[in-house]
């Protein structure tokens, strides 16, 4: 069984790798990464959030939600969190 901490570290590594290789294309400031949020894949909205969110327990809960929804298959081209946009905004507003 994969531990939650291992999943978070793996996600962080993937995000950092993707950011460094695509930074010039997706216009993400250094120290940030893009997240797509939405319950329906066709209606996701892109947010750019600070990397330090990865350490916060509320953001980790959102990552676990994503893991439960999509599994640990990392063939997707971007990180998607399957929750309502207003829920994501509410959670991330508490992280600042």
PDB file of N, CA and C in Angstrom:
ATOM      1  N   UNK A   1       0.835  -1.182   0.000  1.00  0.00           N
ATOM      2  CA  UNK A   1       0.000   0.000   0.000  1.00  0.00           C
ATOM      3  C   UNK A   1       0.884   1.251   0.000  1.00  0.00           C
ATOM      4  N   UNK A   2       0.552   2.189  -0.858  1.00  0.00           N
ATOM      5  CA  UNK A   2       1.326   3.410  -0.975  1.00  0.00           C
ATOM      6  C   UNK A   2       0.909   4.367   0.137  1.00  0.00           C
ATOM      7  N   UNK A   3       1.890   4.947   0.808  1.00  0.00           N
ATOM      8  CA  UNK A   3       1.613   5.879   1.886  1.00  0.00           C
ATOM      9  C   UNK A   3       1.274   7.255   1.313  1.00  0.00           C
ATOM     10  N   UNK A   4       0.442   7.991   2.056  1.00  0.00           N
ATOM     11  CA  UNK A   4       0.026   9.325   1.626  1.00  0.00           C
ATOM     12  C   UNK A   4       1.224  10.237   1.395  1.00  0.00           C
ATOM     13  N   UNK A   5       2.207  10.171   2.279  1.00  0.00           N
ATOM     14  CA  UNK A   5       3.383  11.022   2.145  1.00  0.00           C
ATOM     15  C   UNK A   5       4.124  10.722   0.840  1.00  0.00           C
ATOM     16  N   UNK A   6       4.204   9.436   0.476  1.00  0.00           N
ATOM     17  CA  UNK A   6       4.867   9.053  -0.766  1.00  0.00           C
ATOM     18  C   UNK A   6       4.115   9.607  -1.975  1.00  0.00           C
ATOM     19  N   UNK A   7       2.783   9.585  -1.905  1.00  0.00           N
ATOM     20  CA  UNK A   7       1.968  10.097  -3.005  1.00  0.00           C
ATOM     21  C   UNK A   7       2.187  11.598  -3.157  1.00  0.00           C
ATOM     22  N   UNK A   8       2.220  12.308  -2.044  1.00  0.00           N
ATOM     23  CA  UNK A   8       2.428  13.757  -2.087  1.00  0.00           C
ATOM     24  C   UNK A   8       3.799  14.073  -2.673  1.00  0.00           C
ATOM     25  N   UNK A   9       4.826  13.356  -2.223  1.00  0.00           N
ATOM     26  CA  UNK A   9       6.176  13.588  -2.751  1.00  0.00           C
ATOM     27  C   UNK A   9       6.251  13.272  -4.238  1.00  0.00           C
ATOM     28  N   UNK A  10       5.585  12.190  -4.646  1.00  0.00           N
ATOM     29  CA  UNK A  10       5.570  11.822  -6.060  1.00  0.00           C
ATOM     30  C   UNK A  10       4.849  12.900  -6.877  1.00  0.00           C
ATOM     31  N   UNK A  11       3.725  13.390  -6.371  1.00  0.00           N
ATOM     32  CA  UNK A  11       2.990  14.453  -7.063  1.00  0.00           C
ATOM     33  C   UNK A  11       3.837  15.710  -7.181  1.00  0.00           C
ATOM     34  N   UNK A  12       4.529  16.047  -6.108  1.00  0.00           N
ATOM     35  CA  UNK A  12       5.382  17.243  -6.115  1.00  0.00           C
ATOM     36  C   UNK A  12       6.484  17.101  -7.157  1.00  0.00           C
ATOM     37  N   UNK A  13       7.115  15.907  -7.210  1.00  0.00           N
ATOM     38  CA  UNK A  13       8.165  15.674  -8.208  1.00  0.00           C
ATOM     39  C   UNK A  13       7.618  15.821  -9.624  1.00  0.00           C
ATOM     40  N   UNK A  14       6.448  15.254  -9.877  1.00  0.00           N
ATOM     41  CA  UNK A  14       5.850  15.324 -11.210  1.00  0.00           C
ATOM     42  C   UNK A  14       5.521  16.765 -11.569  1.00  0.00           C
ATOM     43  N   UNK A  15       4.905  17.479 -10.629  1.00  0.00           N
ATOM     44  CA  UNK A  15       4.548  18.878 -10.874  1.00  0.00           C
ATOM     45  C   UNK A  15       5.786  19.705 -11.158  1.00  0.00           C
ATOM     46  N   UNK A  16       6.828  19.554 -10.354  1.00  0.00           N
ATOM     47  CA  UNK A  16       8.046  20.335 -10.558  1.00  0.00           C
ATOM     48  C   UNK A  16       8.707  20.012 -11.894  1.00  0.00           C
ATOM     49  N   UNK A  17       8.693  18.744 -12.286  1.00  0.00           N
ATOM     50  CA  UNK A  17       9.264  18.342 -13.567  1.00  0.00           C
ATOM     51  C   UNK A  17       8.476  18.951 -14.714  1.00  0.00           C
ATOM     52  N   UNK A  18       7.147  18.842 -14.636  1.00  0.00           N
ATOM     53  CA  UNK A  18       6.297  19.401 -15.692  1.00  0.00           C
ATOM     54  C   UNK A  18       6.458  20.911 -15.783  1.00  0.00           C
ATOM     55  N   UNK A  19       6.513  21.582 -14.637  1.00  0.00           N
ATOM     56  CA  UNK A  19       6.643  23.038 -14.627  1.00  0.00           C
ATOM     57  C   UNK A  19       7.936  23.463 -15.291  1.00  0.00           C
ATOM     58  N   UNK A  20       9.020  22.812 -14.925  1.00  0.00           N
ATOM     59  CA  UNK A  20      10.303  23.227 -15.485  1.00  0.00           C
ATOM     60  C   UNK A  20      10.371  23.005 -16.992  1.00  0.00           C
ATOM     61  N   UNK A  21       9.708  21.961 -17.487  1.00  0.00           N
ATOM     62  CA  UNK A  21       9.775  21.690 -18.926  1.00  0.00           C
ATOM     63  C   UNK A  21       8.759  22.505 -19.738  1.00  0.00           C
ATOM     64  N   UNK A  22       7.699  22.983 -19.091  1.00  0.00           N
ATOM     65  CA  UNK A  22       6.649  23.681 -19.827  1.00  0.00           C
ATOM     66  C   UNK A  22       6.474  25.148 -19.431  1.00  0.00           C
ATOM     67  N   UNK A  23       7.327  25.654 -18.563  1.00  0.00           N
ATOM     68  CA  UNK A  23       7.147  27.011 -18.020  1.00  0.00           C
ATOM     69  C   UNK A  23       6.958  28.055 -19.122  1.00  0.00           C
ATOM     70  N   UNK A  24       7.744  27.979 -20.175  1.00  0.00           N
ATOM     71  CA  UNK A  24       7.660  28.986 -21.226  1.00  0.00           C
ATOM     72  C   UNK A  24       6.356  28.889 -22.009  1.00  0.00           C
ATOM     73  N   UNK A  25       5.714  27.731 -22.027  1.00  0.00           N
ATOM     74  CA  UNK A  25       4.476  27.537 -22.778  1.00  0.00           C
ATOM     75  C   UNK A  25       3.266  27.972 -21.966  1.00  0.00           C
ATOM     76  N   UNK A  26       3.240  27.615 -20.698  1.00  0.00           N
ATOM     77  CA  UNK A  26       2.035  27.831 -19.899  1.00  0.00           C
ATOM     78  C   UNK A  26       2.084  29.086 -19.050  1.00  0.00           C
ATOM     79  N   UNK A  27       3.149  29.848 -19.131  1.00  0.00           N
ATOM     80  CA  UNK A  27       3.266  31.135 -18.434  1.00  0.00           C
ATOM     81  C   UNK A  27       2.988  31.010 -16.934  1.00  0.00           C
ATOM     82  N   UNK A  28       3.705  30.141 -16.294  1.00  0.00           N
ATOM     83  CA  UNK A  28       3.569  29.959 -14.850  1.00  0.00           C
ATOM     84  C   UNK A  28       4.770  30.597 -14.180  1.00  0.00           C
ATOM     85  N   UNK A  29       4.520  31.492 -13.214  1.00  0.00           N
ATOM     86  CA  UNK A  29       5.647  32.123 -12.518  1.00  0.00           C
ATOM     87  C   UNK A  29       6.450  31.091 -11.726  1.00  0.00           C
ATOM     88  N   UNK A  30       7.711  31.371 -11.559  1.00  0.00           N
ATOM     89  CA  UNK A  30       8.567  30.491 -10.771  1.00  0.00           C
ATOM     90  C   UNK A  30       7.976  30.361  -9.366  1.00  0.00           C
ATOM     91  N   UNK A  31       8.002  29.133  -8.833  1.00  0.00           N
ATOM     92  CA  UNK A  31       7.459  28.877  -7.505  1.00  0.00           C
ATOM     93  C   UNK A  31       5.969  28.575  -7.497  1.00  0.00           C
ATOM     94  N   UNK A  32       5.379  28.403  -8.684  1.00  0.00           N
ATOM     95  CA  UNK A  32       3.952  28.125  -8.815  1.00  0.00           C
ATOM     96  C   UNK A  32       3.737  26.937  -9.750  1.00  0.00           C
ATOM     97  N   UNK A  33       2.525  26.416  -9.764  1.00  0.00           N
ATOM     98  CA  UNK A  33       2.174  25.362 -10.712  1.00  0.00           C
ATOM     99  C   UNK A  33       0.696  25.472 -11.059  1.00  0.00           C
ATOM    100  N   UNK A  34       0.317  24.986 -12.256  1.00  0.00           N
ATOM    101  CA  UNK A  34      -1.090  25.046 -12.661  1.00  0.00           C
ATOM    102  C   UNK A  34      -1.873  23.846 -12.127  1.00  0.00           C
ATOM    103  N   UNK A  35      -3.120  24.092 -11.797  1.00  0.00           N
ATOM    104  CA  UNK A  35      -4.040  23.052 -11.351  1.00  0.00           C
ATOM    105  C   UNK A  35      -5.349  23.286 -12.094  1.00  0.00           C
ATOM    106  N   UNK A  36      -5.927  22.219 -12.593  1.00  0.00           N
ATOM    107  CA  UNK A  36      -7.227  22.327 -13.235  1.00  0.00           C
ATOM    108  C   UNK A  36      -8.265  21.822 -12.251  1.00  0.00           C
ATOM    109  N   UNK A  37      -9.315  22.620 -12.063  1.00  0.00           N
ATOM    110  CA  UNK A  37     -10.315  22.335 -11.047  1.00  0.00           C
ATOM    111  C   UNK A  37     -11.680  22.236 -11.714  1.00  0.00           C
ATOM    112  N   UNK A  38     -12.408  21.196 -11.356  1.00  0.00           N
ATOM    113  CA  UNK A  38     -13.769  21.043 -11.859  1.00  0.00           C
ATOM    114  C   UNK A  38     -14.240  19.621 -11.718  1.00  0.00           C
ATOM    115  N   UNK A  39     -15.539  19.475 -11.613  1.00  0.00           N
ATOM    116  CA  UNK A  39     -16.120  18.145 -11.460  1.00  0.00           C
ATOM    117  C   UNK A  39     -16.329  17.457 -12.803  1.00  0.00           C
ATOM    118  N   UNK A  40     -16.356  18.231 -13.873  1.00  0.00           N
ATOM    119  CA  UNK A  40     -16.531  17.696 -15.219  1.00  0.00           C
ATOM    120  C   UNK A  40     -15.320  18.111 -16.047  1.00  0.00           C
ATOM    121  N   UNK A  41     -14.674  17.150 -16.693  1.00  0.00           N
ATOM    122  CA  UNK A  41     -13.424  17.433 -17.403  1.00  0.00           C
ATOM    123  C   UNK A  41     -13.570  18.530 -18.459  1.00  0.00           C
ATOM    124  N   UNK A  42     -14.734  18.632 -19.098  1.00  0.00           N
ATOM    125  CA  UNK A  42     -14.939  19.652 -20.120  1.00  0.00           C
ATOM    126  C   UNK A  42     -15.098  21.052 -19.515  1.00  0.00           C
ATOM    127  N   UNK A  43     -15.392  21.127 -18.232  1.00  0.00           N
ATOM    128  CA  UNK A  43     -15.643  22.427 -17.604  1.00  0.00           C
ATOM    129  C   UNK A  43     -14.610  22.768 -16.541  1.00  0.00           C
ATOM    130  N   UNK A  44     -13.401  22.269 -16.673  1.00  0.00           N
ATOM    131  CA  UNK A  44     -12.371  22.586 -15.684  1.00  0.00           C
ATOM    132  C   UNK A  44     -11.846  23.996 -15.908  1.00  0.00           C
ATOM    133  N   UNK A  45     -11.399  24.603 -14.817  1.00  0.00           N
ATOM    134  CA  UNK A  45     -10.818  25.937 -14.876  1.00  0.00           C
ATOM    135  C   UNK A  45      -9.389  25.859 -14.365  1.00  0.00           C
ATOM    136  N   UNK A  46      -8.505  26.585 -14.996  1.00  0.00           N
ATOM    137  CA  UNK A  46      -7.087  26.567 -14.645  1.00  0.00           C
ATOM    138  C   UNK A  46      -6.788  27.611 -13.572  1.00  0.00           C
ATOM    139  N   UNK A  47      -6.072  27.167 -12.535  1.00  0.00           N
ATOM    140  CA  UNK A  47      -5.595  28.047 -11.483  1.00  0.00           C
ATOM    141  C   UNK A  47      -4.085  27.881 -11.395  1.00  0.00           C
ATOM    142  N   UNK A  48      -3.399  28.944 -11.056  1.00  0.00           N
ATOM    143  CA  UNK A  48      -1.960  28.879 -10.819  1.00  0.00           C
ATOM    144  C   UNK A  48      -1.767  29.140  -9.332  1.00  0.00           C
ATOM    145  N   UNK A  49      -1.182  28.153  -8.652  1.00  0.00           N
ATOM    146  CA  UNK A  49      -1.055  28.232  -7.193  1.00  0.00           C
ATOM    147  C   UNK A  49       0.409  28.083  -6.780  1.00  0.00           C
ATOM    148  N   UNK A  50       0.758  28.606  -5.613  1.00  0.00           N
ATOM    149  CA  UNK A  50       2.134  28.495  -5.128  1.00  0.00           C
ATOM    150  C   UNK A  50       2.496  27.048  -4.775  1.00  0.00           C
ATOM    151  N   UNK A  51       3.744  26.695  -4.992  1.00  0.00           N
ATOM    152  CA  UNK A  51       4.205  25.343  -4.689  1.00  0.00           C
ATOM    153  C   UNK A  51       4.076  25.020  -3.208  1.00  0.00           C
ATOM    154  N   UNK A  52       4.191  26.023  -2.333  1.00  0.00           N
ATOM    155  CA  UNK A  52       4.104  25.729  -0.900  1.00  0.00           C
ATOM    156  C   UNK A  52       2.742  25.160  -0.506  1.00  0.00           C
ATOM    157  N   UNK A  53       1.724  25.288  -1.365  1.00  0.00           N
ATOM    158  CA  UNK A  53       0.424  24.661  -1.082  1.00  0.00           C
ATOM    159  C   UNK A  53       0.563  23.147  -0.926  1.00  0.00           C
ATOM    160  N   UNK A  54       1.550  22.568  -1.605  1.00  0.00           N
ATOM    161  CA  UNK A  54       1.717  21.115  -1.550  1.00  0.00           C
ATOM    162  C   UNK A  54       1.991  20.609  -0.137  1.00  0.00           C
ATOM    163  N   UNK A  55       2.492  21.453   0.728  1.00  0.00           N
ATOM    164  CA  UNK A  55       2.792  21.049   2.104  1.00  0.00           C
ATOM    165  C   UNK A  55       1.606  21.213   3.049  1.00  0.00           C
ATOM    166  N   UNK A  56       0.590  21.945   2.627  1.00  0.00           N
ATOM    167  CA  UNK A  56      -0.527  22.252   3.514  1.00  0.00           C
ATOM    168  C   UNK A  56      -1.537  21.090   3.545  1.00  0.00           C
ATOM    169  N   UNK A  57      -2.024  20.756   4.748  1.00  0.00           N
ATOM    170  CA  UNK A  57      -2.915  19.598   4.903  1.00  0.00           C
ATOM    171  C   UNK A  57      -4.243  19.760   4.153  1.00  0.00           C
ATOM    172  N   UNK A  58      -4.749  20.979   4.021  1.00  0.00           N
ATOM    173  CA  UNK A  58      -5.996  21.164   3.273  1.00  0.00           C
ATOM    174  C   UNK A  58      -5.798  20.899   1.786  1.00  0.00           C
ATOM    175  N   UNK A  59      -4.673  21.356   1.250  1.00  0.00           N
ATOM    176  CA  UNK A  59      -4.402  21.103  -0.162  1.00  0.00           C
ATOM    177  C   UNK A  59      -4.116  19.619  -0.383  1.00  0.00           C
ATOM    178  N   UNK A  60      -3.448  18.994   0.566  1.00  0.00           N
ATOM    179  CA  UNK A  60      -3.199  17.561   0.466  1.00  0.00           C
ATOM    180  C   UNK A  60      -4.508  16.785   0.449  1.00  0.00           C
ATOM    181  N   UNK A  61      -5.509  17.265   1.188  1.00  0.00           N
ATOM    182  CA  UNK A  61      -6.827  16.620   1.167  1.00  0.00           C
ATOM    183  C   UNK A  61      -7.429  16.701  -0.234  1.00  0.00           C
ATOM    184  N   UNK A  62      -7.238  17.833  -0.908  1.00  0.00           N
ATOM    185  CA  UNK A  62      -7.720  17.951  -2.287  1.00  0.00           C
ATOM    186  C   UNK A  62      -6.973  16.995  -3.210  1.00  0.00           C
ATOM    187  N   UNK A  63      -5.679  16.824  -2.981  1.00  0.00           N
ATOM    188  CA  UNK A  63      -4.905  15.874  -3.789  1.00  0.00           C
ATOM    189  C   UNK A  63      -5.392  14.442  -3.564  1.00  0.00           C
ATOM    190  N   UNK A  64      -5.745  14.129  -2.322  1.00  0.00           N
ATOM    191  CA  UNK A  64      -6.277  12.790  -2.039  1.00  0.00           C
ATOM    192  C   UNK A  64      -7.623  12.588  -2.728  1.00  0.00           C
ATOM    193  N   UNK A  65      -8.427  13.636  -2.782  1.00  0.00           N
ATOM    194  CA  UNK A  65      -9.685  13.580  -3.517  1.00  0.00           C
ATOM    195  C   UNK A  65      -9.423  13.259  -4.981  1.00  0.00           C
ATOM    196  N   UNK A  66      -8.416  13.918  -5.536  1.00  0.00           N
ATOM    197  CA  UNK A  66      -8.032  13.678  -6.920  1.00  0.00           C
ATOM    198  C   UNK A  66      -7.555  12.243  -7.120  1.00  0.00           C
ATOM    199  N   UNK A  67      -6.753  11.752  -6.177  1.00  0.00           N
ATOM    200  CA  UNK A  67      -6.264  10.379  -6.252  1.00  0.00           C
ATOM    201  C   UNK A  67      -7.422   9.391  -6.220  1.00  0.00           C
ATOM    202  N   UNK A  68      -8.389   9.631  -5.345  1.00  0.00           N
ATOM    203  CA  UNK A  68      -9.540   8.734  -5.251  1.00  0.00           C
ATOM    204  C   UNK A  68     -10.379   8.755  -6.521  1.00  0.00           C
ATOM    205  N   UNK A  69     -10.464   9.925  -7.156  1.00  0.00           N
ATOM    206  CA  UNK A  69     -11.261  10.063  -8.367  1.00  0.00           C
ATOM    207  C   UNK A  69     -10.552   9.477  -9.588  1.00  0.00           C
ATOM    208  N   UNK A  70      -9.249   9.783  -9.742  1.00  0.00           N
ATOM    209  CA  UNK A  70      -8.523   9.427 -10.945  1.00  0.00           C
ATOM    210  C   UNK A  70      -7.484   8.331 -10.757  1.00  0.00           C
ATOM    211  N   UNK A  71      -7.213   7.935  -9.518  1.00  0.00           N
ATOM    212  CA  UNK A  71      -6.170   6.944  -9.265  1.00  0.00           C
ATOM    213  C   UNK A  71      -4.799   7.583  -9.332  1.00  0.00           C
ATOM    214  N   UNK A  72      -3.793   6.743  -9.443  1.00  0.00           N
ATOM    215  CA  UNK A  72      -2.423   7.261  -9.473  1.00  0.00           C
ATOM    216  C   UNK A  72      -1.799   7.171 -10.857  1.00  0.00           C
ATOM    217  N   UNK A  73      -2.631   7.057 -11.889  1.00  0.00           N
ATOM    218  CA  UNK A  73      -2.136   7.050 -13.259  1.00  0.00           C
ATOM    219  C   UNK A  73      -1.706   8.465 -13.623  1.00  0.00           C
ATOM    220  N   UNK A  74      -0.426   8.650 -13.894  1.00  0.00           N
ATOM    221  CA  UNK A  74       0.100   9.974 -14.175  1.00  0.00           C
ATOM    222  C   UNK A  74       0.274  10.235 -15.664  1.00  0.00           C
ATOM    223  N   UNK A  75      -0.509   9.536 -16.480  1.00  0.00           N
ATOM    224  CA  UNK A  75      -0.415   9.771 -17.918  1.00  0.00           C
ATOM    225  C   UNK A  75      -1.158  11.039 -18.339  1.00  0.00           C
ATOM    226  N   UNK A  76      -1.958  11.603 -17.428  1.00  0.00           N
ATOM    227  CA  UNK A  76      -2.635  12.867 -17.732  1.00  0.00           C
ATOM    228  C   UNK A  76      -1.576  13.948 -17.933  1.00  0.00           C
ATOM    229  N   UNK A  77      -1.906  14.931 -18.705  1.00  0.00           N
ATOM    230  CA  UNK A  77      -0.943  15.984 -18.991  1.00  0.00           C
ATOM    231  C   UNK A  77      -0.950  17.085 -17.948  1.00  0.00           C
ATOM    232  N   UNK A  78      -1.921  17.071 -17.042  1.00  0.00           N
ATOM    233  CA  UNK A  78      -2.000  18.118 -16.035  1.00  0.00           C
ATOM    234  C   UNK A  78      -2.685  17.590 -14.785  1.00  0.00           C
ATOM    235  N   UNK A  79      -2.459  18.285 -13.682  1.00  0.00           N
ATOM    236  CA  UNK A  79      -3.051  17.923 -12.404  1.00  0.00           C
ATOM    237  C   UNK A  79      -4.477  18.453 -12.359  1.00  0.00           C
ATOM    238  N   UNK A  80      -5.436  17.554 -12.108  1.00  0.00           N
ATOM    239  CA  UNK A  80      -6.843  17.926 -12.021  1.00  0.00           C
ATOM    240  C   UNK A  80      -7.366  17.576 -10.641  1.00  0.00           C
ATOM    241  N   UNK A  81      -8.064  18.521 -10.039  1.00  0.00           N
ATOM    242  CA  UNK A  81      -8.701  18.281  -8.745  1.00  0.00           C
ATOM    243  C   UNK A  81     -10.205  18.316  -8.986  1.00  0.00           C
ATOM    244  N   UNK A  82     -10.876  17.182  -8.772  1.00  0.00           N
ATOM    245  CA  UNK A  82     -12.299  17.074  -9.098  1.00  0.00           C
ATOM    246  C   UNK A  82     -13.206  17.616  -7.992  1.00  0.00           C
ATOM    247  N   UNK A  83     -13.267  18.917  -7.886  1.00  0.00           N
ATOM    248  CA  UNK A  83     -14.182  19.521  -6.912  1.00  0.00           C
ATOM    249  C   UNK A  83     -14.767  20.774  -7.541  1.00  0.00           C
ATOM    250  N   UNK A  84     -15.809  21.282  -6.928  1.00  0.00           N
ATOM    251  CA  UNK A  84     -16.425  22.505  -7.426  1.00  0.00           C
ATOM    252  C   UNK A  84     -15.437  23.668  -7.298  1.00  0.00           C
ATOM    253  N   UNK A  85     -15.501  24.566  -8.240  1.00  0.00           N
ATOM    254  CA  UNK A  85     -14.584  25.703  -8.246  1.00  0.00           C
ATOM    255  C   UNK A  85     -14.704  26.530  -6.961  1.00  0.00           C
ATOM    256  N   UNK A  86     -15.916  26.732  -6.477  1.00  0.00           N
ATOM    257  CA  UNK A  86     -16.091  27.526  -5.261  1.00  0.00           C
ATOM    258  C   UNK A  86     -15.490  26.844  -4.037  1.00  0.00           C
ATOM    259  N   UNK A  87     -15.512  25.504  -4.016  1.00  0.00           N
ATOM    260  CA  UNK A  87     -14.878  24.762  -2.918  1.00  0.00           C
ATOM    261  C   UNK A  87     -13.366  24.949  -2.969  1.00  0.00           C
ATOM    262  N   UNK A  88     -12.791  24.846  -4.165  1.00  0.00           N
ATOM    263  CA  UNK A  88     -11.349  25.040  -4.326  1.00  0.00           C
ATOM    264  C   UNK A  88     -10.938  26.446  -3.885  1.00  0.00           C
ATOM    265  N   UNK A  89     -11.692  27.436  -4.294  1.00  0.00           N
ATOM    266  CA  UNK A  89     -11.377  28.819  -3.916  1.00  0.00           C
ATOM    267  C   UNK A  89     -11.488  28.992  -2.409  1.00  0.00           C
ATOM    268  N   UNK A  90     -12.503  28.407  -1.804  1.00  0.00           N
ATOM    269  CA  UNK A  90     -12.666  28.496  -0.353  1.00  0.00           C
ATOM    270  C   UNK A  90     -11.489  27.858   0.371  1.00  0.00           C
ATOM    271  N   UNK A  91     -11.085  26.675  -0.067  1.00  0.00           N
ATOM    272  CA  UNK A  91      -9.973  25.971   0.593  1.00  0.00           C
ATOM    273  C   UNK A  91      -8.674  26.744   0.414  1.00  0.00           C
ATOM    274  N   UNK A  92      -8.382  27.153  -0.808  1.00  0.00           N
ATOM    275  CA  UNK A  92      -7.098  27.836  -1.048  1.00  0.00           C
ATOM    276  C   UNK A  92      -7.066  29.224  -0.420  1.00  0.00           C
ATOM    277  N   UNK A  93      -8.203  29.843  -0.217  1.00  0.00           N
ATOM    278  CA  UNK A  93      -8.211  31.155   0.450  1.00  0.00           C
ATOM    279  C   UNK A  93      -7.787  31.005   1.911  1.00  0.00           C
ATOM    280  N   UNK A  94      -7.970  29.836   2.477  1.00  0.00           N
ATOM    281  CA  UNK A  94      -7.558  29.571   3.857  1.00  0.00           C
ATOM    282  C   UNK A  94      -6.056  29.268   3.955  1.00  0.00           C
ATOM    283  N   UNK A  95      -5.414  29.042   2.839  1.00  0.00           N
ATOM    284  CA  UNK A  95      -3.994  28.684   2.845  1.00  0.00           C
ATOM    285  C   UNK A  95      -3.094  29.915   2.843  1.00  0.00           C
ATOM    286  N   UNK A  96      -3.627  31.044   2.524  1.00  0.00           N
ATOM    287  CA  UNK A  96      -2.816  32.272   2.428  1.00  0.00           C
ATOM    288  C   UNK A  96      -2.569  32.901   3.769  1.00  0.00           C
TER     289      UNK A  96
END
